[in-house]
Amino acid sequence: MSIFERKLKSSVIFISRPVAILLLVVYSLQLFALATLVWLYIDQKAAVKEQKAKIEELENRLKILDIIEDYEIGFSDDEVTILANVIYDESVKLGMDPLLIMAVIITESSFKKHQKSHVGAEGLMQIKPSIAKSVAKKWGIEWSESDGLWDPGLNITVGSAYLFELIVKFQDVRKAIIAYNLGETVTREYYYLGALPPPRYFDKVKENYLMLRRKFENKG
C-alpha cells in the first residue's frame, strides 16, 4: 500500500449505506427534538405572558370594584360587580383610562342611583337622553326603551362612548371634559372667542382622578 493510500485510509471515515442512513435518522430526530424544545420554550413563554395578562386584568377589575364599594351608592353586590366589569370593558374597548371614566362618574353622581339634574341629564354619567340616543345609534349600542339611561350598564357604555367622541373631536382631554359638562357647542364658542370656560368642573374631575389614582395604586 502506498503512502498516499495509507494517508487516505487514516484520514477518511468510511461509512456503509445502512450506517449512514441510521445516523441521518438519528441526527434528524435530534434536530426535531431540539426544534420541539425551542417551540415549547417559545410557546411556554407566550403562555406565561398570557397568564400574567389575565392576572393583571383580574387584579384591575377587583381594584375598580373595591373603589366603587367605597361609596354609598345603593347598588347590590351583583350590580356593583356589573358596574366594575362595564367600566373595565369599556375602557379597554375605547383605549381609555378606567379611572377617568370613574372620575367623571364620581363628579357627576358619586355613583348614586337615580340621579337626575335640573337640565334633564340622567343616571351615573348624567347624560341627556337626546345625546345618549344619538351616541347609541352611532355606536350600535342596544337601547333599552323601558329603562333607558336608568340602566347603569347602558348609562356607562353610552357615557364612555360620548366622552371618547369628545376627546377625539377636541384632541385635548381638558377641552373634552369641559365639553362633557358645558356641551360641545358652548365649549367651542368659548375658545372661538378667545375666552376660557369656567375651570371648576375640570378641576373637580382632575381632583377625583388623582384621588382614584392614589387609591388604585395603594390597592396594589
Protein backbone atom coordinates (compact mmCIF):
# COMPACT_ATOMS: atom_id res chain seq x y z
CA MET A 1 0.00 0.00 0.00
CA SER A 2 1.35 3.36 -0.99
CA ILE A 3 1.88 6.24 1.43
CA PHE A 4 -0.95 8.11 -0.30
CA GLU A 5 -3.35 5.19 0.18
CA ARG A 6 -2.36 4.82 3.88
CA LYS A 7 -2.93 8.56 4.49
CA LEU A 8 -6.24 8.45 2.66
CA LYS A 9 -7.37 5.46 4.72
CA SER A 10 -6.35 7.04 8.01
CA SER A 11 -7.97 10.45 7.27
CA VAL A 12 -11.31 9.37 5.79
CA ILE A 13 -14.15 7.67 7.68
CA PHE A 14 -15.75 5.07 5.51
CA ILE A 15 -19.42 4.51 6.42
CA SER A 16 -21.64 1.93 4.91
CA ARG A 17 -25.04 2.97 3.47
CA PRO A 18 -27.11 1.42 6.33
CA VAL A 19 -24.99 3.16 8.95
CA ALA A 20 -25.21 6.46 7.08
CA ILE A 21 -28.99 6.16 6.89
CA LEU A 22 -29.16 5.29 10.57
CA LEU A 23 -27.02 8.30 11.51
CA LEU A 24 -29.14 10.52 9.27
CA VAL A 25 -32.27 9.34 11.07
CA VAL A 26 -30.66 9.91 14.47
CA TYR A 27 -29.48 13.42 13.54
CA SER A 28 -32.92 14.20 12.10
CA LEU A 29 -34.61 13.05 15.32
CA GLN A 30 -32.20 15.12 17.38
CA LEU A 31 -32.91 18.16 15.21
CA PHE A 32 -36.66 17.58 15.55
CA ALA A 33 -36.32 17.21 19.33
CA LEU A 34 -34.29 20.40 19.52
CA ALA A 35 -36.83 22.26 17.38
CA THR A 36 -39.63 20.92 19.58
CA LEU A 37 -37.86 22.09 22.72
CA VAL A 38 -37.38 25.55 21.19
CA TRP A 39 -41.04 25.63 20.14
CA LEU A 40 -42.16 24.51 23.60
CA TYR A 41 -39.97 27.18 25.19
CA ILE A 42 -41.45 29.90 22.98
CA ASP A 43 -44.95 28.54 23.50
CA GLN A 44 -44.38 28.36 27.25
CA LYS A 45 -43.19 31.98 27.31
CA ALA A 46 -46.30 33.02 25.39
CA ALA A 47 -48.49 31.05 27.81
CA VAL A 48 -46.80 32.66 30.81
CA LYS A 49 -47.21 36.10 29.26
CA GLU A 50 -50.90 35.41 28.58
CA GLN A 51 -51.39 34.17 32.13
CA LYS A 52 -49.75 37.28 33.57
CA ALA A 53 -52.02 39.46 31.44
CA LYS A 54 -55.09 37.61 32.73
CA ILE A 55 -53.92 38.01 36.33
CA GLU A 56 -53.29 41.73 35.79
CA GLU A 57 -56.75 42.13 34.23
CA LEU A 58 -58.40 40.36 37.17
CA GLU A 59 -56.48 42.49 39.66
CA ASN A 60 -57.55 45.70 37.87
CA ARG A 61 -61.18 44.58 37.79
CA LEU A 62 -61.05 43.86 41.53
CA LYS A 63 -59.43 47.23 42.27
CA ILE A 64 -62.19 49.01 40.36
CA LEU A 65 -64.81 47.00 42.21
CA ASP A 66 -63.21 47.81 45.58
CA ILE A 67 -63.16 51.52 44.78
CA ILE A 68 -66.83 51.52 43.78
CA GLU A 69 -67.71 49.79 47.04
CA ASP A 70 -66.12 52.67 48.95
CA TYR A 71 -69.16 54.75 48.02
CA GLU A 72 -72.68 54.60 49.44
CA ILE A 73 -74.31 54.03 46.09
CA GLY A 74 -77.42 51.95 46.75
CA PHE A 75 -76.48 49.11 44.42
CA SER A 76 -76.48 45.41 45.27
CA ASP A 77 -73.26 43.39 45.27
CA ASP A 78 -74.18 41.89 41.89
CA GLU A 79 -74.86 45.34 40.45
CA VAL A 80 -71.52 46.65 41.74
CA THR A 81 -69.78 43.73 40.02
CA ILE A 82 -71.58 44.55 36.78
CA LEU A 83 -70.60 48.22 37.08
CA ALA A 84 -66.94 47.32 37.63
CA ASN A 85 -66.93 44.98 34.63
CA VAL A 86 -68.66 47.51 32.35
CA ILE A 87 -66.19 50.25 33.31
CA TYR A 88 -63.21 47.98 32.70
CA ASP A 89 -64.56 46.55 29.42
CA GLU A 90 -65.45 49.96 28.01
CA SER A 91 -62.06 51.39 28.97
CA VAL A 92 -60.30 48.54 27.14
CA LYS A 93 -62.57 48.84 24.09
CA LEU A 94 -62.07 52.60 23.84
CA GLY A 95 -58.41 52.67 24.92
CA MET A 96 -59.29 54.95 27.84
CA ASP A 97 -58.13 55.03 31.44
CA PRO A 98 -60.91 53.42 33.53
CA LEU A 99 -60.10 55.87 36.31
CA LEU A 100 -61.02 58.77 34.01
CA ILE A 101 -64.45 57.24 33.44
CA MET A 102 -64.83 56.73 37.18
CA ALA A 103 -63.69 60.30 37.91
CA VAL A 104 -66.44 61.62 35.66
CA ILE A 105 -69.00 59.34 37.33
CA ILE A 106 -67.96 60.48 40.81
CA THR A 107 -68.08 64.13 39.73
CA GLU A 108 -71.49 63.72 38.12
CA SER A 109 -73.33 61.39 40.51
CA SER A 110 -70.97 59.97 43.16
CA PHE A 111 -72.12 56.53 41.97
CA LYS A 112 -75.60 57.12 43.39
CA LYS A 113 -78.67 55.59 41.81
CA HIS A 114 -81.46 57.51 40.09
CA GLN A 115 -79.72 60.88 39.81
CA LYS A 116 -81.35 63.48 37.57
CA SER A 117 -80.15 67.05 37.04
CA HIS A 118 -82.26 70.17 36.67
CA VAL A 119 -81.47 70.17 32.92
CA GLY A 120 -82.66 66.59 32.44
CA ALA A 121 -79.35 64.70 32.49
CA GLU A 122 -79.84 61.20 33.87
CA GLY A 123 -78.02 58.38 35.60
CA LEU A 124 -74.48 57.75 36.75
CA MET A 125 -72.80 59.75 33.98
CA GLN A 126 -75.56 62.37 33.82
CA ILE A 127 -76.31 62.33 30.11
CA LYS A 128 -79.27 63.92 28.39
CA PRO A 129 -81.47 61.28 26.71
CA SER A 130 -81.30 63.06 23.34
CA ILE A 131 -77.49 62.95 23.32
CA ALA A 132 -77.44 59.39 24.64
CA LYS A 133 -79.77 58.09 21.93
CA SER A 134 -77.69 59.78 19.23
CA VAL A 135 -74.47 58.25 20.60
CA ALA A 136 -76.08 54.82 20.98
CA LYS A 137 -77.26 54.91 17.37
CA LYS A 138 -73.82 55.88 16.03
CA TRP A 139 -72.05 53.20 18.06
CA GLY A 140 -74.63 50.46 17.52
CA ILE A 141 -75.35 50.27 21.25
CA GLU A 142 -78.60 48.49 22.03
CA TRP A 143 -81.01 50.97 23.57
CA SER A 144 -83.49 49.92 26.21
CA GLU A 145 -86.71 51.91 25.79
CA SER A 146 -88.04 50.64 29.10
CA ASP A 147 -85.01 51.51 31.26
CA GLY A 148 -83.05 53.95 29.09
CA LEU A 149 -80.33 55.78 30.98
CA TRP A 150 -81.59 54.34 34.27
CA ASP A 151 -79.87 51.12 33.23
CA PRO A 152 -76.44 51.68 34.88
CA GLY A 153 -74.60 49.49 32.38
CA LEU A 154 -76.13 51.27 29.40
CA ASN A 155 -75.51 54.64 31.03
CA ILE A 156 -71.80 53.95 31.46
CA THR A 157 -71.46 52.43 27.99
CA VAL A 158 -73.08 55.43 26.30
CA GLY A 159 -71.39 57.98 28.59
CA SER A 160 -67.94 56.50 27.96
CA ALA A 161 -68.51 56.50 24.21
CA TYR A 162 -69.65 60.13 24.35
CA LEU A 163 -66.58 61.16 26.36
CA PHE A 164 -64.37 59.29 23.88
CA GLU A 165 -66.05 61.12 20.98
CA LEU A 166 -65.32 64.48 22.61
CA ILE A 167 -61.67 63.57 23.21
CA VAL A 168 -61.32 62.64 19.53
CA LYS A 169 -63.09 65.80 18.36
CA PHE A 170 -61.15 68.23 20.54
CA GLN A 171 -57.86 66.27 20.55
CA ASP A 172 -57.49 67.50 24.12
CA VAL A 173 -58.66 65.76 27.29
CA ARG A 174 -59.16 69.01 29.20
CA LYS A 175 -61.38 70.52 26.49
CA ALA A 176 -63.26 67.23 26.13
CA ILE A 177 -64.05 67.11 29.84
CA ILE A 178 -65.21 70.73 29.80
CA ALA A 179 -67.38 69.95 26.75
CA TYR A 180 -68.85 66.96 28.56
CA ASN A 181 -70.16 69.41 31.14
CA LEU A 182 -70.95 72.54 29.08
CA GLY A 183 -71.76 70.92 25.77
CA GLU A 184 -69.70 70.81 22.59
CA THR A 185 -71.17 73.97 21.03
CA VAL A 186 -70.78 76.18 24.09
CA THR A 187 -67.21 74.97 24.65
CA ARG A 188 -66.24 75.75 21.05
CA GLU A 189 -67.76 79.21 21.37
CA TYR A 190 -65.61 79.94 24.42
CA TYR A 191 -62.40 79.01 22.61
CA TYR A 192 -63.50 80.68 19.37
CA LEU A 193 -63.94 83.96 21.24
CA GLY A 194 -60.60 83.50 22.97
CA ALA A 195 -62.24 83.12 26.38
CA LEU A 196 -61.52 80.46 28.95
CA PRO A 197 -64.50 78.37 30.07
CA PRO A 198 -65.13 78.00 33.82
CA PRO A 199 -62.47 75.62 35.20
CA ARG A 200 -64.41 74.32 38.20
CA TYR A 201 -65.80 71.18 36.56
CA PHE A 202 -62.49 70.15 35.01
CA ASP A 203 -60.68 70.84 38.29
CA LYS A 204 -63.16 68.63 40.14
CA VAL A 205 -62.75 65.77 37.66
CA LYS A 206 -58.97 66.12 37.89
CA GLU A 207 -59.11 66.11 41.69
CA ASN A 208 -61.26 62.97 41.68
CA TYR A 209 -58.99 61.32 39.12
CA LEU A 210 -55.87 61.93 41.24
CA MET A 211 -57.70 60.64 44.30
CA LEU A 212 -58.69 57.49 42.42
CA ARG A 213 -55.14 57.05 41.14
CA ARG A 214 -53.82 57.08 44.72
CA LYS A 215 -56.46 54.57 45.82
CA PHE A 216 -55.77 52.34 42.80
CA GLU A 217 -52.04 52.27 43.45
CA ASN A 218 -52.50 51.66 47.18
CA LYS A 219 -54.67 48.64 46.45
CA GLY A 220 -51.84 47.02 44.53
